[in-house]
Every structure is written in C-alpha cells, then in structure tokens.
C-alpha cells in the first residue's frame, strides 16, 4: 500500500502554533462549511496521493512545528476570475517534532518518510519554546 503524500507550507505572519490556530478560527480562514482552508494558486498534480491520508505540515518562523490532515481540495474562483485550489483542513492542529526549514515559496510535497513524527499525546499540550530557541535547538539536532 502506498504511503500518504503530504504538503509542507510556510505559515507567514504567525508567531507560533497558537497564532495559526487563532487565524484558522477566524471567519476569513473558513470556507462555507466552517472548516479552515488554505487557498493557493497551484492545484497539486498528485491529488489522489494527498487525499489518501495526507497532511499539510506548517513551518512557523523557520521551524516545522505542526500538521493538519487534508480533508479535500475544493476549486474556488477569486474575485479576479482565476481558478484556485482551497486545501480544506481538519481543524485539529497536531504538534510534531520540530525541524528547521529554509524559506521557500508556495507549498512543496513532503514524503511520509521525510515527515516529522507527531509528538506523543502527553507532550502535545506543552507550552511551545520561543521560536528563536526552537530554531537553535533544531539546528543542533536536539529537537
């Protein structure tokens, strides 16, 4: 059985997982069904693999920190008439082990073997380290 394929994306303008959660709870980030979504210009060519259990992994301030399950991909048309892809997400943010990631534009594919592990349930509610400290520890290979 093939492994799920994931996406990785920068969460621009957020300071931490809590900021991402707050943004996604806002009306602007939700679709008509009330689920959070991220609208992007490019439609994933490997849609079937992503929809077979894939997640979007969020990079916040240079550190991969969490993921969300991708529920579906919806076609949306902007006010400019351009067709876009709305990545519809499970509202639950799942914290992962942290990893440093260099800046990039758009989203990228992330294979299951390269995806960081979820934090154990007992650690998922721990207070996040400051982003600068997280980045330094991840750079050292400690996180």
C-alpha atoms as a PDB file:
ATOM      1  CA  UNK A   1       0.000   0.000   0.000  1.00  0.00           C
ATOM      2  CA  UNK A   2       1.478   3.407  -0.929  1.00  0.00           C
ATOM      3  CA  UNK A   3       2.291   5.850   1.830  1.00  0.00           C
ATOM      4  CA  UNK A   4       0.443   9.126   2.135  1.00  0.00           C
ATOM      5  CA  UNK A   5       1.937  12.138   0.452  1.00  0.00           C
ATOM      6  CA  UNK A   6       1.959  15.390   2.388  1.00  0.00           C
ATOM      7  CA  UNK A   7       2.380  19.089   1.673  1.00  0.00           C
ATOM      8  CA  UNK A   8       4.662  21.490   3.516  1.00  0.00           C
ATOM      9  CA  UNK A   9       3.891  25.208   3.682  1.00  0.00           C
ATOM     10  CA  UNK A  10       5.212  28.327   5.407  1.00  0.00           C
ATOM     11  CA  UNK A  11       2.755  29.931   7.804  1.00  0.00           C
ATOM     12  CA  UNK A  12       3.702  33.529   7.059  1.00  0.00           C
ATOM     13  CA  UNK A  13       2.984  36.118   9.730  1.00  0.00           C
ATOM     14  CA  UNK A  14       2.342  33.706  12.593  1.00  0.00           C
ATOM     15  CA  UNK A  15       4.487  33.615  15.699  1.00  0.00           C
ATOM     16  CA  UNK A  16       3.550  30.127  16.881  1.00  0.00           C
ATOM     17  CA  UNK A  17       1.052  27.292  16.686  1.00  0.00           C
ATOM     18  CA  UNK A  18      -1.398  29.307  18.812  1.00  0.00           C
ATOM     19  CA  UNK A  19      -1.348  32.153  16.246  1.00  0.00           C
ATOM     20  CA  UNK A  20      -2.049  29.684  13.454  1.00  0.00           C
ATOM     21  CA  UNK A  21      -4.968  28.228  15.447  1.00  0.00           C
ATOM     22  CA  UNK A  22      -6.365  31.708  16.101  1.00  0.00           C
ATOM     23  CA  UNK A  23      -6.150  32.658  12.412  1.00  0.00           C
ATOM     24  CA  UNK A  24      -7.858  29.441  11.350  1.00  0.00           C
ATOM     25  CA  UNK A  25     -10.651  30.040  13.860  1.00  0.00           C
ATOM     26  CA  UNK A  26     -11.416  33.388  12.200  1.00  0.00           C
ATOM     27  CA  UNK A  27     -14.220  33.718   9.656  1.00  0.00           C
ATOM     28  CA  UNK A  28     -11.740  34.803   6.936  1.00  0.00           C
ATOM     29  CA  UNK A  29      -9.894  31.472   7.103  1.00  0.00           C
ATOM     30  CA  UNK A  30     -13.005  29.295   6.923  1.00  0.00           C
ATOM     31  CA  UNK A  31     -14.942  28.052   3.955  1.00  0.00           C
ATOM     32  CA  UNK A  32     -18.732  27.970   3.689  1.00  0.00           C
ATOM     33  CA  UNK A  33     -18.734  24.654   5.605  1.00  0.00           C
ATOM     34  CA  UNK A  34     -16.957  26.248   8.594  1.00  0.00           C
ATOM     35  CA  UNK A  35     -13.727  24.288   8.075  1.00  0.00           C
ATOM     36  CA  UNK A  36     -10.364  26.042   7.857  1.00  0.00           C
ATOM     37  CA  UNK A  37      -8.828  26.160   4.418  1.00  0.00           C
ATOM     38  CA  UNK A  38      -5.757  27.484   2.712  1.00  0.00           C
ATOM     39  CA  UNK A  39      -6.262  28.866  -0.784  1.00  0.00           C
ATOM     40  CA  UNK A  40      -3.376  28.530  -3.208  1.00  0.00           C
ATOM     41  CA  UNK A  41      -2.870  29.251  -6.899  1.00  0.00           C
ATOM     42  CA  UNK A  42      -1.472  25.836  -7.796  1.00  0.00           C
ATOM     43  CA  UNK A  43      -3.506  22.622  -7.820  1.00  0.00           C
ATOM     44  CA  UNK A  44      -1.482  19.594  -6.608  1.00  0.00           C
ATOM     45  CA  UNK A  45      -0.882  17.222  -9.528  1.00  0.00           C
ATOM     46  CA  UNK A  46      -0.603  14.337  -7.059  1.00  0.00           C
ATOM     47  CA  UNK A  47      -4.073  14.959  -5.626  1.00  0.00           C
ATOM     48  CA  UNK A  48      -5.034  11.288  -5.180  1.00  0.00           C
ATOM     49  CA  UNK A  49      -1.927  10.594  -3.070  1.00  0.00           C
ATOM     50  CA  UNK A  50      -2.531  13.655  -0.899  1.00  0.00           C
ATOM     51  CA  UNK A  51      -6.189  12.777  -0.325  1.00  0.00           C
ATOM     52  CA  UNK A  52      -5.178   9.263   0.762  1.00  0.00           C
ATOM     53  CA  UNK A  53      -4.287  10.338   4.310  1.00  0.00           C
ATOM     54  CA  UNK A  54      -2.047  13.332   3.633  1.00  0.00           C
ATOM     55  CA  UNK A  55      -1.484  16.341   5.884  1.00  0.00           C
ATOM     56  CA  UNK A  56      -0.187  19.858   5.478  1.00  0.00           C
ATOM     57  CA  UNK A  57       2.898  20.460   7.631  1.00  0.00           C
ATOM     58  CA  UNK A  58       3.281  24.049   8.816  1.00  0.00           C
ATOM     59  CA  UNK A  59       6.625  25.850   9.057  1.00  0.00           C
ATOM     60  CA  UNK A  60       6.450  28.740  11.522  1.00  0.00           C
ATOM     61  CA  UNK A  61       9.356  31.176  11.759  1.00  0.00           C
ATOM     62  CA  UNK A  62      11.686  28.681  10.065  1.00  0.00           C
ATOM     63  CA  UNK A  63      10.729  25.674  12.192  1.00  0.00           C
ATOM     64  CA  UNK A  64       8.342  22.898  11.183  1.00  0.00           C
ATOM     65  CA  UNK A  65       6.038  22.670  14.212  1.00  0.00           C
ATOM     66  CA  UNK A  66       2.692  21.047  13.423  1.00  0.00           C
ATOM     67  CA  UNK A  67       0.436  19.461  10.864  1.00  0.00           C
ATOM     68  CA  UNK A  68      -3.231  19.224   9.882  1.00  0.00           C
ATOM     69  CA  UNK A  69      -4.984  16.460   7.988  1.00  0.00           C
ATOM     70  CA  UNK A  70      -6.096  17.441   4.498  1.00  0.00           C
ATOM     71  CA  UNK A  71      -9.765  16.591   4.079  1.00  0.00           C
ATOM     72  CA  UNK A  72     -10.293  17.580   0.460  1.00  0.00           C
ATOM     73  CA  UNK A  73      -9.342  20.001  -2.305  1.00  0.00           C
ATOM     74  CA  UNK A  74     -12.049  22.401  -3.479  1.00  0.00           C
ATOM     75  CA  UNK A  75     -11.988  24.544  -6.586  1.00  0.00           C
ATOM     76  CA  UNK A  76     -12.609  28.212  -5.845  1.00  0.00           C
ATOM     77  CA  UNK A  77     -12.633  31.220  -8.136  1.00  0.00           C
ATOM     78  CA  UNK A  78     -11.302  34.510  -6.848  1.00  0.00           C
ATOM     79  CA  UNK A  79     -12.829  37.923  -7.449  1.00  0.00           C
ATOM     80  CA  UNK A  80     -10.280  38.207 -10.277  1.00  0.00           C
ATOM     81  CA  UNK A  81     -11.861  35.220 -12.048  1.00  0.00           C
ATOM     82  CA  UNK A  82      -8.803  32.991 -11.528  1.00  0.00           C
ATOM     83  CA  UNK A  83      -9.331  29.333 -10.560  1.00  0.00           C
ATOM     84  CA  UNK A  84      -7.569  28.367  -7.339  1.00  0.00           C
ATOM     85  CA  UNK A  85      -7.281  25.373  -5.011  1.00  0.00           C
ATOM     86  CA  UNK A  86      -8.711  25.537  -1.490  1.00  0.00           C
ATOM     87  CA  UNK A  87      -6.960  22.976   0.702  1.00  0.00           C
ATOM     88  CA  UNK A  88      -9.683  22.091   3.229  1.00  0.00           C
ATOM     89  CA  UNK A  89      -8.224  21.142   6.596  1.00  0.00           C
ATOM     90  CA  UNK A  90      -9.221  19.261   9.706  1.00  0.00           C
ATOM     91  CA  UNK A  91      -9.399  21.951  12.433  1.00  0.00           C
ATOM     92  CA  UNK A  92      -7.139  19.912  14.757  1.00  0.00           C
ATOM     93  CA  UNK A  93      -3.519  21.102  14.789  1.00  0.00           C
ATOM     94  CA  UNK A  94      -1.234  18.180  15.650  1.00  0.00           C
ATOM     95  CA  UNK A  95       2.128  19.176  17.063  1.00  0.00           C
ATOM     96  CA  UNK A  96       5.124  17.389  15.601  1.00  0.00           C
ATOM     97  CA  UNK A  97       8.769  17.051  16.446  1.00  0.00           C
ATOM     98  CA  UNK A  98      10.441  20.209  15.251  1.00  0.00           C
ATOM     99  CA  UNK A  99      12.754  20.585  12.286  1.00  0.00           C
ATOM    100  CA  UNK A 100      14.469  23.587  10.724  1.00  0.00           C
ATOM    101  CA  UNK A 101      13.282  24.509   7.238  1.00  0.00           C
ATOM    102  CA  UNK A 102      14.712  27.140   4.929  1.00  0.00           C
ATOM    103  CA  UNK A 103      12.289  29.637   3.382  1.00  0.00           C
ATOM    104  CA  UNK A 104      10.571  28.651   0.143  1.00  0.00           C
ATOM    105  CA  UNK A 105       7.643  29.904  -1.892  1.00  0.00           C
ATOM    106  CA  UNK A 106       4.299  28.187  -2.218  1.00  0.00           C
ATOM    107  CA  UNK A 107       3.978  24.638  -0.997  1.00  0.00           C
ATOM    108  CA  UNK A 108       6.121  21.562  -1.574  1.00  0.00           C
ATOM    109  CA  UNK A 109       5.454  17.844  -1.476  1.00  0.00           C
ATOM    110  CA  UNK A 110       6.684  16.002   1.621  1.00  0.00           C
ATOM    111  CA  UNK A 111       7.012  12.223   1.585  1.00  0.00           C
ATOM    112  CA  UNK A 112       5.896  10.176   4.564  1.00  0.00           C
ATOM    113  CA  UNK A 113       9.483   9.038   5.201  1.00  0.00           C
ATOM    114  CA  UNK A 114      10.659  12.666   5.417  1.00  0.00           C
ATOM    115  CA  UNK A 115       7.765  13.892   7.595  1.00  0.00           C
ATOM    116  CA  UNK A 116       8.497  14.506  11.268  1.00  0.00           C
ATOM    117  CA  UNK A 117       6.787  12.343  13.863  1.00  0.00           C
ATOM    118  CA  UNK A 118       3.813  13.560  15.854  1.00  0.00           C
ATOM    119  CA  UNK A 119       4.558  14.488  19.439  1.00  0.00           C
ATOM    120  CA  UNK A 120       3.285  11.911  21.930  1.00  0.00           C
ATOM    121  CA  UNK A 121      -0.169  12.812  23.310  1.00  0.00           C
ATOM    122  CA  UNK A 122       1.351  13.684  26.700  1.00  0.00           C
ATOM    123  CA  UNK A 123       3.602  16.313  25.114  1.00  0.00           C
ATOM    124  CA  UNK A 124       1.125  17.815  22.639  1.00  0.00           C
ATOM    125  CA  UNK A 125      -0.163  20.407  25.130  1.00  0.00           C
ATOM    126  CA  UNK A 126       3.252  21.541  26.354  1.00  0.00           C
ATOM    127  CA  UNK A 127       3.995  25.229  26.088  1.00  0.00           C
ATOM    128  CA  UNK A 128       5.986  25.837  22.904  1.00  0.00           C
ATOM    129  CA  UNK A 129       9.534  27.104  23.207  1.00  0.00           C
ATOM    130  CA  UNK A 130      10.255  30.594  21.891  1.00  0.00           C
ATOM    131  CA  UNK A 131      10.823  30.353  18.139  1.00  0.00           C
ATOM    132  CA  UNK A 132      14.463  31.510  18.324  1.00  0.00           C
ATOM    133  CA  UNK A 133      15.261  28.826  20.915  1.00  0.00           C
ATOM    134  CA  UNK A 134      13.373  26.170  18.918  1.00  0.00           C
ATOM    135  CA  UNK A 135      15.340  27.095  15.801  1.00  0.00           C
ATOM    136  CA  UNK A 136      18.667  26.979  17.643  1.00  0.00           C
ATOM    137  CA  UNK A 137      17.912  23.590  19.228  1.00  0.00           C
ATOM    138  CA  UNK A 138      16.637  22.161  15.938  1.00  0.00           C
ATOM    139  CA  UNK A 139      19.811  23.420  14.240  1.00  0.00           C
ATOM    140  CA  UNK A 140      21.842  21.485  16.807  1.00  0.00           C
ATOM    141  CA  UNK A 141      19.727  18.390  16.244  1.00  0.00           C
ATOM    142  CA  UNK A 142      18.325  18.428  19.776  1.00  0.00           C
ATOM    143  CA  UNK A 143      14.651  18.815  18.780  1.00  0.00           C
END
